[in-house]
Amino acid sequence: MTQSPPWSIELKRIDGQQESLASYQGKVLLVVNVASQCGFTPQYAGLQTLHQRFADRGFAILGFPCNQFGAQEPGDENTVMQFCESRFSVRFAMFAKTEVNGASAHPLYRWLKQAAPGVLGTEGIKWNFTKFLVSRDAQTVQRFAPTDSPESMVEAIEAMLDKKS
């Protein structure tokens, strides 16, 4: 169990539009820091498959491009979105480039790292494609490593979707 996220957090969509985290309240969320030039970039295909499979059941993927790991997301938002759409037909929610670690870490990531620390209780995100699965009531947050494929998360996602809040 964890403290509920601050639903008032503002998010900037990849197209520049502002959106509140509250627009996702009541959904099971998969929050992922992504990068276009990473060895894990092919996971975009699996993420899109999860989106197509579960979106109608109250599931949302939130993708946050991040350039903090090996400078593997050097492009601007337009470049990132063109890449995602042309290479992987991404249709899930994508947001502006975001810092996930350090003093400038986005408030959503500060909350996620506290709610679901990594190995040995460390909060820092180690690499691109770290995934956070958040229950509908935001009381359960699970962290998945970059090496965990989207396909390997199906059982955990289904369990959260089936759970009555």
N, C-alpha and C. Protein backbone atom coordinates (compact mmCIF):
# COMPACT_ATOMS: atom_id res chain seq x y z
N MET A 1 0.84 -1.18 0.00
CA MET A 1 0.00 0.00 0.00
C MET A 1 0.88 1.24 0.00
N THR A 2 0.42 2.24 -0.67
CA THR A 2 1.19 3.48 -0.77
C THR A 2 0.27 4.68 -0.76
N GLN A 3 0.87 5.81 -0.59
CA GLN A 3 0.11 7.05 -0.59
C GLN A 3 -0.38 7.35 -2.00
N SER A 4 -1.61 7.85 -2.12
CA SER A 4 -2.15 8.17 -3.43
C SER A 4 -1.31 9.25 -4.11
N PRO A 5 -1.22 9.18 -5.43
CA PRO A 5 -0.44 10.20 -6.13
C PRO A 5 -1.18 11.54 -6.10
N PRO A 6 -0.44 12.58 -6.24
CA PRO A 6 -1.08 13.90 -6.32
C PRO A 6 -1.75 14.03 -7.70
N TRP A 7 -3.04 13.78 -7.75
CA TRP A 7 -3.77 13.78 -9.03
C TRP A 7 -3.71 15.13 -9.72
N SER A 8 -3.35 16.17 -8.99
CA SER A 8 -3.29 17.51 -9.59
C SER A 8 -2.02 17.73 -10.41
N ILE A 9 -1.12 16.76 -10.44
CA ILE A 9 0.11 16.91 -11.24
C ILE A 9 -0.26 17.22 -12.68
N GLU A 10 0.41 18.22 -13.21
CA GLU A 10 0.21 18.59 -14.61
C GLU A 10 1.21 17.83 -15.48
N LEU A 11 0.73 17.34 -16.60
CA LEU A 11 1.54 16.62 -17.57
C LEU A 11 1.50 17.39 -18.88
N LYS A 12 2.62 17.40 -19.58
CA LYS A 12 2.67 18.05 -20.89
C LYS A 12 2.73 16.97 -21.96
N ARG A 13 1.67 16.88 -22.76
CA ARG A 13 1.62 15.89 -23.84
C ARG A 13 2.71 16.19 -24.86
N ILE A 14 3.04 15.21 -25.65
CA ILE A 14 4.11 15.36 -26.63
C ILE A 14 3.76 16.44 -27.67
N ASP A 15 2.47 16.71 -27.85
CA ASP A 15 2.04 17.75 -28.79
C ASP A 15 1.98 19.13 -28.12
N GLY A 16 2.40 19.22 -26.86
CA GLY A 16 2.45 20.51 -26.16
C GLY A 16 1.22 20.81 -25.32
N GLN A 17 0.15 20.03 -25.48
CA GLN A 17 -1.07 20.26 -24.71
C GLN A 17 -0.87 19.88 -23.24
N GLN A 18 -1.45 20.67 -22.34
CA GLN A 18 -1.39 20.37 -20.92
C GLN A 18 -2.52 19.41 -20.56
N GLU A 19 -2.24 18.53 -19.63
CA GLU A 19 -3.23 17.56 -19.18
C GLU A 19 -2.93 17.26 -17.72
N SER A 20 -3.97 17.03 -16.95
CA SER A 20 -3.79 16.69 -15.54
C SER A 20 -3.74 15.18 -15.38
N LEU A 21 -2.94 14.72 -14.43
CA LEU A 21 -2.90 13.29 -14.12
C LEU A 21 -4.30 12.80 -13.74
N ALA A 22 -5.12 13.70 -13.23
CA ALA A 22 -6.48 13.34 -12.82
C ALA A 22 -7.30 12.75 -13.97
N SER A 23 -6.95 13.05 -15.20
CA SER A 23 -7.70 12.50 -16.33
C SER A 23 -7.51 10.98 -16.45
N TYR A 24 -6.54 10.43 -15.70
CA TYR A 24 -6.30 8.99 -15.71
C TYR A 24 -6.75 8.32 -14.41
N GLN A 25 -7.34 9.08 -13.52
CA GLN A 25 -7.78 8.53 -12.24
C GLN A 25 -8.81 7.42 -12.49
N GLY A 26 -8.67 6.30 -11.78
CA GLY A 26 -9.58 5.17 -11.93
C GLY A 26 -9.14 4.16 -12.98
N LYS A 27 -8.04 4.43 -13.67
CA LYS A 27 -7.51 3.49 -14.66
C LYS A 27 -6.29 2.78 -14.08
N VAL A 28 -5.99 1.62 -14.62
CA VAL A 28 -4.72 0.97 -14.34
C VAL A 28 -3.72 1.62 -15.29
N LEU A 29 -2.61 2.09 -14.74
CA LEU A 29 -1.63 2.82 -15.53
C LEU A 29 -0.33 2.05 -15.64
N LEU A 30 0.30 2.14 -16.79
CA LEU A 30 1.66 1.67 -16.99
C LEU A 30 2.46 2.89 -17.42
N VAL A 31 3.34 3.35 -16.54
CA VAL A 31 4.15 4.54 -16.79
C VAL A 31 5.56 4.07 -17.15
N VAL A 32 6.05 4.54 -18.31
CA VAL A 32 7.32 4.05 -18.84
C VAL A 32 8.18 5.21 -19.32
N ASN A 33 9.45 5.23 -18.91
CA ASN A 33 10.39 6.18 -19.51
C ASN A 33 10.99 5.50 -20.74
N VAL A 34 10.85 6.14 -21.88
CA VAL A 34 11.19 5.53 -23.16
C VAL A 34 12.32 6.30 -23.85
N ALA A 35 12.93 5.65 -24.84
CA ALA A 35 13.98 6.28 -25.64
C ALA A 35 14.03 5.61 -27.01
N SER A 36 14.30 6.40 -28.03
CA SER A 36 14.29 5.92 -29.40
C SER A 36 15.55 5.19 -29.83
N GLN A 37 16.67 5.43 -29.14
CA GLN A 37 17.94 4.86 -29.57
C GLN A 37 18.52 3.92 -28.52
N CYS A 38 17.66 3.17 -27.86
CA CYS A 38 18.04 2.27 -26.78
C CYS A 38 17.91 0.82 -27.27
N GLY A 39 18.68 -0.06 -26.67
CA GLY A 39 18.56 -1.47 -27.00
C GLY A 39 17.18 -2.03 -26.69
N PHE A 40 16.44 -1.36 -25.78
CA PHE A 40 15.10 -1.80 -25.42
C PHE A 40 14.00 -1.14 -26.26
N THR A 41 14.38 -0.28 -27.20
CA THR A 41 13.41 0.44 -28.02
C THR A 41 12.39 -0.49 -28.69
N PRO A 42 12.75 -1.70 -29.12
CA PRO A 42 11.74 -2.60 -29.70
C PRO A 42 10.56 -2.89 -28.77
N GLN A 43 10.71 -2.60 -27.47
CA GLN A 43 9.59 -2.80 -26.55
C GLN A 43 8.40 -1.90 -26.88
N TYR A 44 8.62 -0.85 -27.67
CA TYR A 44 7.48 -0.03 -28.11
C TYR A 44 6.41 -0.92 -28.74
N ALA A 45 6.82 -1.91 -29.52
CA ALA A 45 5.85 -2.81 -30.18
C ALA A 45 5.02 -3.56 -29.14
N GLY A 46 5.66 -4.09 -28.12
CA GLY A 46 4.94 -4.79 -27.06
C GLY A 46 4.05 -3.87 -26.26
N LEU A 47 4.51 -2.65 -26.02
CA LEU A 47 3.68 -1.68 -25.30
C LEU A 47 2.43 -1.35 -26.11
N GLN A 48 2.59 -1.16 -27.42
CA GLN A 48 1.44 -0.87 -28.27
C GLN A 48 0.46 -2.06 -28.27
N THR A 49 0.99 -3.28 -28.25
CA THR A 49 0.13 -4.47 -28.18
C THR A 49 -0.67 -4.47 -26.88
N LEU A 50 0.00 -4.16 -25.76
CA LEU A 50 -0.71 -4.07 -24.48
C LEU A 50 -1.80 -3.01 -24.54
N HIS A 51 -1.48 -1.87 -25.11
CA HIS A 51 -2.46 -0.78 -25.25
C HIS A 51 -3.70 -1.27 -26.02
N GLN A 52 -3.47 -1.92 -27.14
CA GLN A 52 -4.59 -2.40 -27.95
C GLN A 52 -5.39 -3.47 -27.22
N ARG A 53 -4.72 -4.30 -26.47
CA ARG A 53 -5.38 -5.43 -25.79
C ARG A 53 -6.22 -4.97 -24.61
N PHE A 54 -5.75 -3.98 -23.85
CA PHE A 54 -6.38 -3.67 -22.57
C PHE A 54 -7.01 -2.28 -22.45
N ALA A 55 -6.84 -1.40 -23.43
CA ALA A 55 -7.35 -0.03 -23.30
C ALA A 55 -8.85 0.02 -23.01
N ASP A 56 -9.61 -0.86 -23.63
CA ASP A 56 -11.06 -0.83 -23.44
C ASP A 56 -11.48 -1.37 -22.08
N ARG A 57 -10.53 -1.87 -21.29
CA ARG A 57 -10.82 -2.35 -19.93
C ARG A 57 -10.38 -1.35 -18.86
N GLY A 58 -9.99 -0.14 -19.29
CA GLY A 58 -9.57 0.86 -18.31
C GLY A 58 -8.08 0.86 -18.04
N PHE A 59 -7.29 0.57 -19.07
CA PHE A 59 -5.83 0.52 -18.97
C PHE A 59 -5.25 1.62 -19.83
N ALA A 60 -4.24 2.32 -19.31
CA ALA A 60 -3.59 3.38 -20.08
C ALA A 60 -2.08 3.30 -19.91
N ILE A 61 -1.38 3.46 -21.01
CA ILE A 61 0.08 3.55 -20.99
C ILE A 61 0.45 5.01 -21.15
N LEU A 62 1.37 5.46 -20.30
CA LEU A 62 1.88 6.82 -20.36
C LEU A 62 3.37 6.73 -20.67
N GLY A 63 3.77 7.16 -21.86
CA GLY A 63 5.16 7.10 -22.27
C GLY A 63 5.84 8.45 -22.09
N PHE A 64 6.99 8.44 -21.43
CA PHE A 64 7.74 9.65 -21.16
C PHE A 64 9.14 9.54 -21.75
N PRO A 65 9.38 10.14 -22.92
CA PRO A 65 10.72 10.13 -23.49
C PRO A 65 11.71 10.75 -22.50
N CYS A 66 12.88 10.14 -22.40
CA CYS A 66 13.88 10.58 -21.44
C CYS A 66 15.27 10.48 -22.07
N ASN A 67 16.05 11.52 -21.92
CA ASN A 67 17.40 11.56 -22.50
C ASN A 67 18.48 11.44 -21.42
N GLN A 68 18.13 10.97 -20.23
CA GLN A 68 19.08 10.93 -19.12
C GLN A 68 19.98 9.70 -19.12
N PHE A 69 19.74 8.75 -19.97
CA PHE A 69 20.51 7.51 -19.97
C PHE A 69 21.21 7.33 -21.31
N GLY A 70 22.48 7.62 -21.35
CA GLY A 70 23.26 7.44 -22.57
C GLY A 70 22.83 8.35 -23.70
N ALA A 71 22.15 9.44 -23.41
CA ALA A 71 21.67 10.39 -24.43
C ALA A 71 20.97 9.64 -25.57
N GLN A 72 20.10 8.70 -25.20
CA GLN A 72 19.44 7.85 -26.19
C GLN A 72 18.09 8.39 -26.68
N GLU A 73 17.77 9.62 -26.28
CA GLU A 73 16.57 10.28 -26.80
C GLU A 73 16.94 11.73 -27.13
N PRO A 74 17.80 11.91 -28.16
CA PRO A 74 18.31 13.25 -28.45
C PRO A 74 17.35 14.16 -29.20
N GLY A 75 16.35 13.60 -29.87
CA GLY A 75 15.46 14.41 -30.70
C GLY A 75 14.46 15.22 -29.90
N ASP A 76 13.85 16.18 -30.59
CA ASP A 76 12.78 16.96 -29.95
C ASP A 76 11.49 16.14 -29.98
N GLU A 77 10.44 16.69 -29.38
CA GLU A 77 9.18 15.94 -29.26
C GLU A 77 8.62 15.52 -30.61
N ASN A 78 8.70 16.41 -31.60
CA ASN A 78 8.17 16.08 -32.92
C ASN A 78 8.92 14.90 -33.52
N THR A 79 10.24 14.90 -33.39
CA THR A 79 11.06 13.80 -33.90
C THR A 79 10.71 12.50 -33.19
N VAL A 80 10.55 12.57 -31.88
CA VAL A 80 10.22 11.38 -31.09
C VAL A 80 8.88 10.81 -31.56
N MET A 81 7.87 11.66 -31.68
CA MET A 81 6.54 11.17 -32.06
C MET A 81 6.53 10.60 -33.47
N GLN A 82 7.22 11.27 -34.40
CA GLN A 82 7.30 10.73 -35.77
C GLN A 82 7.94 9.35 -35.77
N PHE A 83 9.00 9.18 -34.98
CA PHE A 83 9.67 7.88 -34.88
C PHE A 83 8.71 6.83 -34.33
N CYS A 84 8.03 7.16 -33.23
CA CYS A 84 7.12 6.20 -32.58
C CYS A 84 5.97 5.80 -33.49
N GLU A 85 5.41 6.76 -34.19
CA GLU A 85 4.28 6.47 -35.07
C GLU A 85 4.72 5.69 -36.31
N SER A 86 5.84 6.09 -36.92
CA SER A 86 6.26 5.45 -38.17
C SER A 86 6.86 4.06 -37.94
N ARG A 87 7.61 3.88 -36.86
CA ARG A 87 8.27 2.59 -36.61
C ARG A 87 7.40 1.59 -35.86
N PHE A 88 6.56 2.09 -34.92
CA PHE A 88 5.83 1.18 -34.04
C PHE A 88 4.33 1.45 -33.97
N SER A 89 3.82 2.36 -34.78
CA SER A 89 2.39 2.69 -34.80
C SER A 89 1.85 2.98 -33.40
N VAL A 90 2.64 3.70 -32.61
CA VAL A 90 2.27 4.02 -31.23
C VAL A 90 1.01 4.88 -31.20
N ARG A 91 0.04 4.44 -30.40
CA ARG A 91 -1.21 5.19 -30.22
C ARG A 91 -1.51 5.47 -28.75
N PHE A 92 -0.65 4.98 -27.85
CA PHE A 92 -0.85 5.28 -26.44
C PHE A 92 -0.33 6.68 -26.13
N ALA A 93 -0.68 7.20 -24.97
CA ALA A 93 -0.34 8.58 -24.60
C ALA A 93 1.16 8.77 -24.48
N MET A 94 1.66 9.75 -25.19
CA MET A 94 3.08 10.12 -25.12
C MET A 94 3.17 11.56 -24.62
N PHE A 95 4.22 11.80 -23.85
CA PHE A 95 4.38 13.09 -23.19
C PHE A 95 5.70 13.73 -23.58
N ALA A 96 5.87 14.98 -23.19
CA ALA A 96 7.09 15.71 -23.49
C ALA A 96 8.29 15.04 -22.84
N LYS A 97 9.46 15.31 -23.37
CA LYS A 97 10.68 14.76 -22.78
C LYS A 97 10.73 15.14 -21.31
N THR A 98 11.11 14.17 -20.49
CA THR A 98 10.98 14.28 -19.05
C THR A 98 12.24 13.78 -18.36
N GLU A 99 12.60 14.43 -17.27
CA GLU A 99 13.67 13.91 -16.43
C GLU A 99 13.04 13.05 -15.35
N VAL A 100 13.64 11.89 -15.11
CA VAL A 100 13.09 10.94 -14.14
C VAL A 100 13.94 10.84 -12.88
N ASN A 101 15.17 11.30 -12.94
CA ASN A 101 16.08 11.30 -11.81
C ASN A 101 16.61 12.71 -11.57
N GLY A 102 17.17 12.92 -10.38
CA GLY A 102 17.83 14.18 -10.08
C GLY A 102 16.90 15.26 -9.59
N ALA A 103 17.46 16.43 -9.40
CA ALA A 103 16.73 17.56 -8.84
C ALA A 103 15.56 18.00 -9.72
N SER A 104 15.68 17.76 -11.02
CA SER A 104 14.62 18.18 -11.95
C SER A 104 13.66 17.05 -12.31
N ALA A 105 13.69 15.97 -11.55
CA ALA A 105 12.79 14.84 -11.84
C ALA A 105 11.34 15.31 -11.79
N HIS A 106 10.55 14.84 -12.73
CA HIS A 106 9.13 15.19 -12.79
C HIS A 106 8.44 14.72 -11.51
N PRO A 107 7.47 15.50 -10.99
CA PRO A 107 6.77 15.10 -9.76
C PRO A 107 6.13 13.70 -9.84
N LEU A 108 5.65 13.30 -10.99
CA LEU A 108 5.08 11.96 -11.13
C LEU A 108 6.16 10.90 -10.85
N TYR A 109 7.33 11.11 -11.39
CA TYR A 109 8.41 10.14 -11.17
C TYR A 109 8.93 10.18 -9.74
N ARG A 110 8.92 11.33 -9.12
CA ARG A 110 9.31 11.38 -7.70
C ARG A 110 8.35 10.51 -6.89
N TRP A 111 7.05 10.63 -7.17
CA TRP A 111 6.06 9.82 -6.45
C TRP A 111 6.24 8.33 -6.75
N LEU A 112 6.38 7.98 -8.02
CA LEU A 112 6.51 6.58 -8.41
C LEU A 112 7.72 5.92 -7.75
N LYS A 113 8.84 6.61 -7.73
CA LYS A 113 10.07 6.04 -7.15
C LYS A 113 9.94 5.83 -5.66
N GLN A 114 9.19 6.69 -4.99
CA GLN A 114 8.95 6.49 -3.55
C GLN A 114 7.97 5.34 -3.33
N ALA A 115 6.96 5.27 -4.18
CA ALA A 115 5.92 4.25 -4.03
C ALA A 115 6.45 2.85 -4.33
N ALA A 116 7.40 2.74 -5.25
CA ALA A 116 7.93 1.43 -5.65
C ALA A 116 9.44 1.53 -5.84
N PRO A 117 10.17 1.51 -4.73
CA PRO A 117 11.63 1.57 -4.83
C PRO A 117 12.18 0.37 -5.60
N GLY A 118 13.38 0.53 -6.10
CA GLY A 118 14.03 -0.53 -6.85
C GLY A 118 14.76 -1.50 -5.94
N VAL A 119 15.72 -2.19 -6.51
CA VAL A 119 16.51 -3.20 -5.80
C VAL A 119 17.17 -2.57 -4.57
N LEU A 120 17.09 -3.27 -3.46
CA LEU A 120 17.68 -2.84 -2.19
C LEU A 120 17.15 -1.48 -1.73
N GLY A 121 15.95 -1.13 -2.17
CA GLY A 121 15.32 0.11 -1.72
C GLY A 121 15.80 1.36 -2.41
N THR A 122 16.64 1.23 -3.43
CA THR A 122 17.09 2.41 -4.14
C THR A 122 15.94 2.99 -4.95
N GLU A 123 15.87 4.31 -4.98
CA GLU A 123 14.77 4.95 -5.70
C GLU A 123 15.12 5.31 -7.13
N GLY A 124 16.38 5.56 -7.40
CA GLY A 124 16.77 6.01 -8.73
C GLY A 124 16.41 5.02 -9.81
N ILE A 125 16.05 5.56 -10.96
CA ILE A 125 15.78 4.74 -12.14
C ILE A 125 17.12 4.50 -12.81
N LYS A 126 17.38 3.25 -13.15
CA LYS A 126 18.70 2.86 -13.66
C LYS A 126 18.84 2.99 -15.18
N TRP A 127 17.73 2.87 -15.93
CA TRP A 127 17.85 2.90 -17.38
C TRP A 127 16.48 3.14 -18.02
N ASN A 128 16.51 3.33 -19.34
CA ASN A 128 15.29 3.49 -20.12
C ASN A 128 14.42 2.24 -20.03
N PHE A 129 13.13 2.44 -20.21
CA PHE A 129 12.13 1.39 -20.21
C PHE A 129 11.93 0.74 -18.84
N THR A 130 12.19 1.50 -17.78
CA THR A 130 11.74 1.10 -16.45
C THR A 130 10.24 1.35 -16.44
N LYS A 131 9.49 0.39 -15.91
CA LYS A 131 8.03 0.46 -15.99
C LYS A 131 7.42 0.45 -14.60
N PHE A 132 6.38 1.26 -14.41
CA PHE A 132 5.63 1.30 -13.16
C PHE A 132 4.18 0.98 -13.46
N LEU A 133 3.65 -0.06 -12.84
CA LEU A 133 2.26 -0.46 -12.99
C LEU A 133 1.51 0.03 -11.77
N VAL A 134 0.50 0.86 -12.00
CA VAL A 134 -0.24 1.53 -10.92
C VAL A 134 -1.69 1.05 -10.95
N SER A 135 -2.18 0.59 -9.79
CA SER A 135 -3.56 0.11 -9.70
C SER A 135 -4.55 1.26 -9.84
N ARG A 136 -5.81 0.89 -10.10
CA ARG A 136 -6.87 1.90 -10.29
C ARG A 136 -6.98 2.87 -9.12
N ASP A 137 -6.81 2.35 -7.91
CA ASP A 137 -6.91 3.21 -6.73
C ASP A 137 -5.57 3.82 -6.33
N ALA A 138 -4.55 3.52 -7.10
CA ALA A 138 -3.19 4.04 -6.89
C ALA A 138 -2.61 3.64 -5.54
N GLN A 139 -3.15 2.60 -4.95
CA GLN A 139 -2.62 2.13 -3.67
C GLN A 139 -1.56 1.05 -3.87
N THR A 140 -1.48 0.49 -5.07
CA THR A 140 -0.48 -0.52 -5.38
C THR A 140 0.31 -0.05 -6.58
N VAL A 141 1.63 -0.04 -6.43
CA VAL A 141 2.53 0.32 -7.53
C VAL A 141 3.60 -0.75 -7.60
N GLN A 142 3.78 -1.33 -8.79
CA GLN A 142 4.81 -2.33 -9.01
C GLN A 142 5.83 -1.77 -9.98
N ARG A 143 7.10 -1.98 -9.69
CA ARG A 143 8.17 -1.54 -10.59
C ARG A 143 8.68 -2.74 -11.37
N PHE A 144 8.89 -2.54 -12.66
CA PHE A 144 9.44 -3.58 -13.54
C PHE A 144 10.71 -3.04 -14.19
N ALA A 145 11.69 -3.89 -14.31
CA ALA A 145 12.99 -3.51 -14.86
C ALA A 145 12.92 -3.32 -16.37
N PRO A 146 13.88 -2.60 -16.93
CA PRO A 146 13.94 -2.45 -18.38
C PRO A 146 13.97 -3.80 -19.10
N THR A 147 14.58 -4.80 -18.49
CA THR A 147 14.67 -6.12 -19.12
C THR A 147 13.36 -6.90 -19.09
N ASP A 148 12.39 -6.45 -18.29
CA ASP A 148 11.08 -7.09 -18.26
C ASP A 148 10.31 -6.67 -19.51
N SER A 149 9.99 -7.63 -20.34
CA SER A 149 9.27 -7.30 -21.58
C SER A 149 7.82 -6.95 -21.26
N PRO A 150 7.20 -6.13 -22.12
CA PRO A 150 5.78 -5.86 -21.93
C PRO A 150 4.95 -7.14 -21.85
N GLU A 151 5.28 -8.14 -22.66
CA GLU A 151 4.54 -9.40 -22.67
C GLU A 151 4.59 -10.10 -21.32
N SER A 152 5.70 -9.95 -20.61
CA SER A 152 5.86 -10.61 -19.32
C SER A 152 4.99 -9.98 -18.24
N MET A 153 4.38 -8.85 -18.52
CA MET A 153 3.59 -8.12 -17.54
C MET A 153 2.10 -8.41 -17.65
N VAL A 154 1.68 -9.20 -18.63
CA VAL A 154 0.26 -9.42 -18.89
C VAL A 154 -0.47 -9.92 -17.64
N GLU A 155 0.08 -10.89 -16.94
CA GLU A 155 -0.60 -11.43 -15.77
C GLU A 155 -0.80 -10.37 -14.69
N ALA A 156 0.22 -9.56 -14.43
CA ALA A 156 0.11 -8.49 -13.43
C ALA A 156 -0.93 -7.44 -13.86
N ILE A 157 -0.95 -7.11 -15.13
CA ILE A 157 -1.92 -6.14 -15.64
C ILE A 157 -3.34 -6.68 -15.49
N GLU A 158 -3.54 -7.93 -15.91
CA GLU A 158 -4.87 -8.53 -15.79
C GLU A 158 -5.32 -8.59 -14.34
N ALA A 159 -4.42 -8.91 -13.43
CA ALA A 159 -4.79 -8.96 -12.01
C ALA A 159 -5.24 -7.60 -11.51
N MET A 160 -4.56 -6.55 -11.93
CA MET A 160 -4.98 -5.21 -11.50
C MET A 160 -6.28 -4.79 -12.16
N LEU A 161 -6.46 -5.16 -13.42
CA LEU A 161 -7.71 -4.81 -14.10
C LEU A 161 -8.90 -5.54 -13.49
N ASP A 162 -8.68 -6.76 -13.03
CA ASP A 162 -9.76 -7.55 -12.46
C ASP A 162 -10.09 -7.19 -11.01
N LYS A 163 -9.16 -6.55 -10.34
CA LYS A 163 -9.34 -6.22 -8.93
C LYS A 163 -10.39 -5.12 -8.78
N LYS A 164 -11.31 -5.33 -7.88
CA LYS A 164 -12.33 -4.31 -7.60
C LYS A 164 -11.77 -3.35 -6.57
N SER A 165 -11.76 -2.08 -6.90
CA SER A 165 -11.22 -1.07 -5.98
C SER A 165 -12.16 -0.80 -4.85
